[in-house]
Amino acid sequence: MRRAKGHSADGDLAKLFDALAPVLIPLDVTPSRLAQVARASFVKAGAKQAQLRSGRPHLARIAALTGLSRSEVKRLVASGYKSDASKLENLPRALRVLNAWRDSSIYTAKGRPRRLKILGKAPSFDALCKAHSGDIPYTVIMDELERRKCVVVTRKHNQIAISRLKKSDDRTIRELSALSFAAAFLQDALQDKLVLVRRKQKIASSSALSDAYVETAIANRLTDLLDQLPGLFANRAASKRNIVNVFTLVSKAKT
């Protein structure tokens, strides 16, 4: 049996996911969760290409287009193209352990998570991890939860407890903002019929000029251009209509 040759798109897809992965990891988006979202999107796109005369999605053709099973296509179509991305098994392992700690009757008392021994028989943190973290050692899970400020560890007394402090979500806000911009940009950029200009421009400058000066000059010039664009087509006597979306992204060149 001949092996299918890799598509030339694989390299560009790898670059895309190389850029997405550092943004998605802080947002607790795992490969499994991403795959669930992707399946729903593929079925939705396939449904636009494969319809019966009645207008209903042609399940078998969608399955043929996407490589998914017919039963999975049927489930996703019936759900309105909603994925099961929020399921517990799609979370990072550390969060699976944390959820089990909060929900399991063994590890709670009067509905609240117990303070646990780190090592020892259940209920202990080690036993909790063995049940819910797969093959990942309890020390790695503990370090990750401590990094996230989800737990307070007292190693001297062999104890660990869920933290009551609310952690700052400033980074999450930044990552979500970056993801939102990238999603909006790609949604427009990949629609050939709508794109007016698709261009990446490299700009060189004298080594005598500081990076800060160059960055400020470019940012100011682009800001002025964007501020003036709406006025180019304005006509107060006529009704308004939206004609273009303009995305602006200025980034430092990799050296």
Protein backbone atom coordinates (compact mmCIF):
# COMPACT_ATOMS: atom_id res chain seq x y z
CA MET A 1 0.00 0.00 0.00
CA ARG A 2 1.47 3.34 -1.03
CA ARG A 3 1.85 5.99 1.63
CA ALA A 4 0.19 9.33 0.95
CA LYS A 5 2.70 12.07 0.27
CA GLY A 6 2.81 14.98 2.68
CA HIS A 7 1.00 18.06 1.44
CA SER A 8 3.08 21.15 0.70
CA ALA A 9 0.76 22.94 3.16
CA ASP A 10 2.25 21.01 6.08
CA GLY A 11 5.20 23.37 6.44
CA ASP A 12 3.00 26.45 6.60
CA LEU A 13 0.59 24.70 8.97
CA ALA A 14 3.54 23.89 11.22
CA LYS A 15 4.53 27.57 11.22
CA LEU A 16 0.96 28.53 12.06
CA PHE A 17 0.80 26.15 15.01
CA ASP A 18 4.32 27.14 16.10
CA ALA A 19 2.89 30.65 16.46
CA LEU A 20 -0.38 29.52 18.06
CA ALA A 21 0.99 27.03 20.59
CA PRO A 22 2.72 29.61 22.87
CA VAL A 23 -0.57 31.56 22.98
CA LEU A 24 -2.80 28.53 23.51
CA ILE A 25 -0.82 26.86 26.31
CA PRO A 26 -1.41 29.70 28.83
CA LEU A 27 -5.10 29.54 27.89
CA ASP A 28 -5.17 25.84 28.87
CA VAL A 29 -5.92 24.78 25.30
CA THR A 30 -4.45 21.29 24.90
CA PRO A 31 -3.89 19.44 21.60
CA SER A 32 -6.91 17.30 22.48
CA ARG A 33 -9.11 20.34 23.05
CA LEU A 34 -7.83 21.95 19.85
CA ALA A 35 -8.61 18.76 17.93
CA GLN A 36 -12.20 18.81 19.19
CA VAL A 37 -12.66 22.41 18.07
CA ALA A 38 -11.00 21.63 14.73
CA ARG A 39 -13.32 18.67 14.09
CA ALA A 40 -16.38 20.89 14.52
CA SER A 41 -14.91 23.53 12.20
CA PHE A 42 -14.05 20.98 9.52
CA VAL A 43 -17.55 19.53 9.59
CA LYS A 44 -19.07 23.01 9.39
CA ALA A 45 -16.89 23.83 6.36
CA GLY A 46 -17.68 20.45 4.80
CA ALA A 47 -21.41 21.05 5.25
CA LYS A 48 -21.16 24.18 3.09
CA GLN A 49 -19.67 22.10 0.27
CA ALA A 50 -21.81 18.99 0.64
CA GLN A 51 -25.58 19.43 0.74
CA LEU A 52 -28.54 17.34 -0.30
CA ARG A 53 -31.18 18.76 -2.63
CA SER A 54 -33.25 19.51 0.45
CA GLY A 55 -30.43 21.76 1.71
CA ARG A 56 -29.56 19.44 4.59
CA PRO A 57 -25.89 18.46 5.06
CA HIS A 58 -24.86 15.33 3.17
CA LEU A 59 -23.30 13.36 6.04
CA ALA A 60 -21.52 10.75 3.95
CA ARG A 61 -19.92 13.36 1.69
CA ILE A 62 -18.81 15.43 4.67
CA ALA A 63 -17.23 12.32 6.16
CA ALA A 64 -15.46 11.68 2.86
CA LEU A 65 -14.18 15.26 2.70
CA THR A 66 -12.96 15.48 6.29
CA GLY A 67 -11.76 11.93 6.98
CA LEU A 68 -14.02 11.71 10.04
CA SER A 69 -16.45 8.87 10.65
CA ARG A 70 -20.04 9.29 9.52
CA SER A 71 -21.28 8.87 13.11
CA GLU A 72 -19.04 11.68 14.34
CA VAL A 73 -20.15 13.94 11.50
CA LYS A 74 -23.78 13.18 12.37
CA ARG A 75 -23.16 14.03 16.04
CA LEU A 76 -21.46 17.33 15.22
CA VAL A 77 -24.14 18.37 12.73
CA ALA A 78 -26.87 17.51 15.27
CA SER A 79 -25.09 19.58 17.93
CA GLY A 80 -24.99 22.65 15.71
CA TYR A 81 -21.25 22.19 15.09
CA LYS A 82 -20.44 22.53 18.79
CA SER A 83 -17.41 20.63 20.06
CA ASP A 84 -16.86 18.74 23.30
CA ALA A 85 -13.75 20.82 24.00
CA SER A 86 -14.67 21.58 27.63
CA LYS A 87 -14.67 17.92 28.69
CA LEU A 88 -12.39 17.04 31.60
CA GLU A 89 -10.14 14.83 29.46
CA ASN A 90 -9.31 17.83 27.26
CA LEU A 91 -7.86 19.84 30.15
CA PRO A 92 -4.16 19.97 31.08
CA ARG A 93 -3.27 17.14 33.51
CA ALA A 94 -2.70 19.51 36.44
CA LEU A 95 -6.21 20.92 36.09
CA ARG A 96 -7.69 17.43 35.87
CA VAL A 97 -6.11 16.68 39.24
CA LEU A 98 -7.39 19.97 40.68
CA ASN A 99 -10.94 19.28 39.47
CA ALA A 100 -10.91 15.77 40.90
CA TRP A 101 -9.68 17.18 44.22
CA ARG A 102 -12.65 19.55 44.33
CA ASP A 103 -15.27 17.06 43.15
CA SER A 104 -14.33 13.70 44.66
CA SER A 105 -16.03 12.75 47.92
CA ILE A 106 -12.78 11.15 49.13
CA TYR A 107 -10.86 14.41 48.85
CA THR A 108 -13.52 16.78 50.17
CA ALA A 109 -15.16 17.36 53.55
CA LYS A 110 -18.52 19.12 53.82
CA GLY A 111 -18.20 20.10 50.17
CA ARG A 112 -14.80 21.75 50.55
CA PRO A 113 -11.42 20.39 49.36
CA ARG A 114 -9.39 18.82 52.15
CA ARG A 115 -5.86 19.71 53.14
CA LEU A 116 -3.95 16.65 51.97
CA LYS A 117 -0.81 14.80 52.89
CA ILE A 118 1.61 14.99 49.99
CA LEU A 119 2.65 11.35 50.36
CA GLY A 120 0.86 8.38 51.82
CA LYS A 121 -2.26 6.33 51.32
CA ALA A 122 -5.44 7.94 49.99
CA PRO A 123 -6.57 10.54 50.60
CA SER A 124 -3.16 11.98 49.71
CA PHE A 125 -1.95 14.17 46.88
CA ASP A 126 0.23 11.36 45.54
CA ALA A 127 -2.77 9.00 45.43
CA LEU A 128 -4.89 11.71 43.79
CA CYS A 129 -2.30 12.19 41.06
CA LYS A 130 -1.94 8.45 40.45
CA ALA A 131 -5.69 8.30 39.84
CA HIS A 132 -6.03 11.39 37.63
CA SER A 133 -2.68 12.49 36.12
CA GLY A 134 -1.85 9.42 34.07
CA ASP A 135 1.89 8.73 33.92
CA ILE A 136 2.95 12.17 35.16
CA PRO A 137 4.74 12.13 38.57
CA TYR A 138 2.99 13.89 41.45
CA THR A 139 6.01 16.20 41.86
CA VAL A 140 5.51 17.63 38.36
CA ILE A 141 1.78 18.18 38.96
CA MET A 142 2.50 19.79 42.33
CA ASP A 143 5.12 22.13 40.84
CA GLU A 144 2.73 23.14 38.04
CA LEU A 145 -0.16 23.86 40.43
CA GLU A 146 2.22 25.80 42.66
CA ARG A 147 3.44 27.80 39.65
CA ARG A 148 -0.18 28.62 38.83
CA LYS A 149 -0.69 29.67 42.49
CA CYS A 150 -3.53 27.15 42.76
CA VAL A 151 -2.06 25.41 45.83
CA VAL A 152 -0.08 26.14 48.95
CA VAL A 153 2.59 23.55 49.73
CA THR A 154 4.11 22.98 53.19
CA ARG A 155 6.84 20.48 52.45
CA LYS A 156 8.13 20.51 56.01
CA HIS A 157 4.82 19.12 57.25
CA ASN A 158 4.12 16.99 54.16
CA GLN A 159 0.94 18.94 53.39
CA ILE A 160 -0.70 20.63 50.41
CA ALA A 161 -3.93 22.67 50.21
CA ILE A 162 -5.87 24.47 47.50
CA SER A 163 -5.13 28.18 47.61
CA ARG A 164 -7.94 30.60 48.42
CA LEU A 165 -6.17 33.50 46.74
CA LYS A 166 -7.50 34.71 43.40
CA LYS A 167 -4.73 34.60 40.83
CA SER A 168 -4.19 37.51 38.45
CA ASP A 169 -5.42 36.90 34.92
CA ASP A 170 -3.50 39.75 33.25
CA ARG A 171 -1.56 37.35 31.04
CA THR A 172 -4.73 35.49 30.10
CA ILE A 173 -6.26 38.78 28.96
CA ARG A 174 -3.21 39.49 26.79
CA GLU A 175 -3.23 36.00 25.28
CA LEU A 176 -6.97 36.18 24.57
CA SER A 177 -6.51 39.58 22.91
CA ALA A 178 -3.73 38.21 20.69
CA LEU A 179 -5.80 35.14 19.79
CA SER A 180 -8.86 37.27 19.03
CA PHE A 181 -6.86 39.51 16.69
CA ALA A 182 -5.25 36.52 14.95
CA ALA A 183 -8.64 34.83 14.50
CA ALA A 184 -10.27 37.95 13.04
CA PHE A 185 -7.27 38.54 10.78
CA LEU A 186 -7.15 34.98 9.44
CA GLN A 187 -10.91 34.85 8.95
CA ASP A 188 -10.60 37.77 6.51
CA ALA A 189 -7.15 36.99 5.09
CA LEU A 190 -8.09 33.46 3.97
CA GLN A 191 -11.17 34.54 2.01
CA ASP A 192 -9.77 35.15 -1.48
CA LYS A 193 -12.92 36.81 -2.80
CA LEU A 194 -12.75 39.50 -0.13
CA VAL A 195 -9.02 40.22 0.05
CA LEU A 196 -7.92 43.42 -1.69
CA VAL A 197 -4.26 43.35 -0.65
CA ARG A 198 -2.24 40.49 0.81
CA ARG A 199 1.30 41.65 1.36
CA LYS A 200 4.18 41.33 3.80
CA GLN A 201 6.69 44.15 3.55
CA LYS A 202 10.19 44.07 5.00
CA ILE A 203 11.64 47.44 5.94
CA ALA A 204 15.35 48.09 6.38
CA SER A 205 16.86 51.05 8.19
CA SER A 206 20.28 52.50 8.87
CA SER A 207 22.14 50.92 11.79
CA ALA A 208 22.69 54.47 13.02
CA LEU A 209 18.99 54.78 13.88
CA SER A 210 17.78 53.30 17.13
CA ASP A 211 15.09 50.61 17.13
CA ALA A 212 12.87 52.83 19.28
CA TYR A 213 13.03 55.69 16.74
CA VAL A 214 12.21 53.40 13.79
CA GLU A 215 9.33 51.70 15.65
CA THR A 216 7.81 55.01 16.74
CA ALA A 217 8.11 56.50 13.24
CA ILE A 218 6.38 53.52 11.62
CA ALA A 219 3.66 53.32 14.25
CA ASN A 220 2.90 57.04 13.98
CA ARG A 221 2.79 56.99 10.16
CA LEU A 222 0.43 53.99 10.12
CA THR A 223 -1.79 55.53 12.77
CA ASP A 224 -2.07 58.73 10.71
CA LEU A 225 -2.92 56.70 7.59
CA LEU A 226 -5.66 54.75 9.37
CA ASP A 227 -7.11 57.91 10.86
CA GLN A 228 -7.34 59.49 7.40
CA LEU A 229 -8.75 56.47 5.51
CA PRO A 230 -12.39 56.84 6.62
CA GLY A 231 -12.41 60.44 5.41
CA LEU A 232 -11.33 59.48 1.88
CA PHE A 233 -14.73 57.97 1.12
CA ALA A 234 -16.98 60.01 3.39
CA ASN A 235 -20.05 61.64 1.89
CA ARG A 236 -22.42 63.07 4.45
CA ALA A 237 -25.25 63.30 1.94
CA ALA A 238 -25.22 59.59 1.19
CA SER A 239 -25.98 56.62 3.42
CA LYS A 240 -22.97 54.81 4.83
CA ARG A 241 -21.85 51.27 4.08
CA ASN A 242 -18.84 49.32 5.29
CA ILE A 243 -16.48 48.55 2.41
CA VAL A 244 -13.15 47.36 3.85
CA ASN A 245 -11.64 45.94 7.01
CA VAL A 246 -8.10 47.14 7.71
CA PHE A 247 -5.81 45.18 10.02
CA THR A 248 -2.59 46.75 11.26
CA LEU A 249 0.23 44.71 12.73
CA VAL A 250 3.72 46.09 13.14
CA SER A 251 6.25 43.65 14.59
CA LYS A 252 9.99 43.59 15.07
CA ALA A 253 11.93 41.66 12.46
CA LYS A 254 13.71 38.51 13.64
CA THR A 255 17.46 38.91 13.48
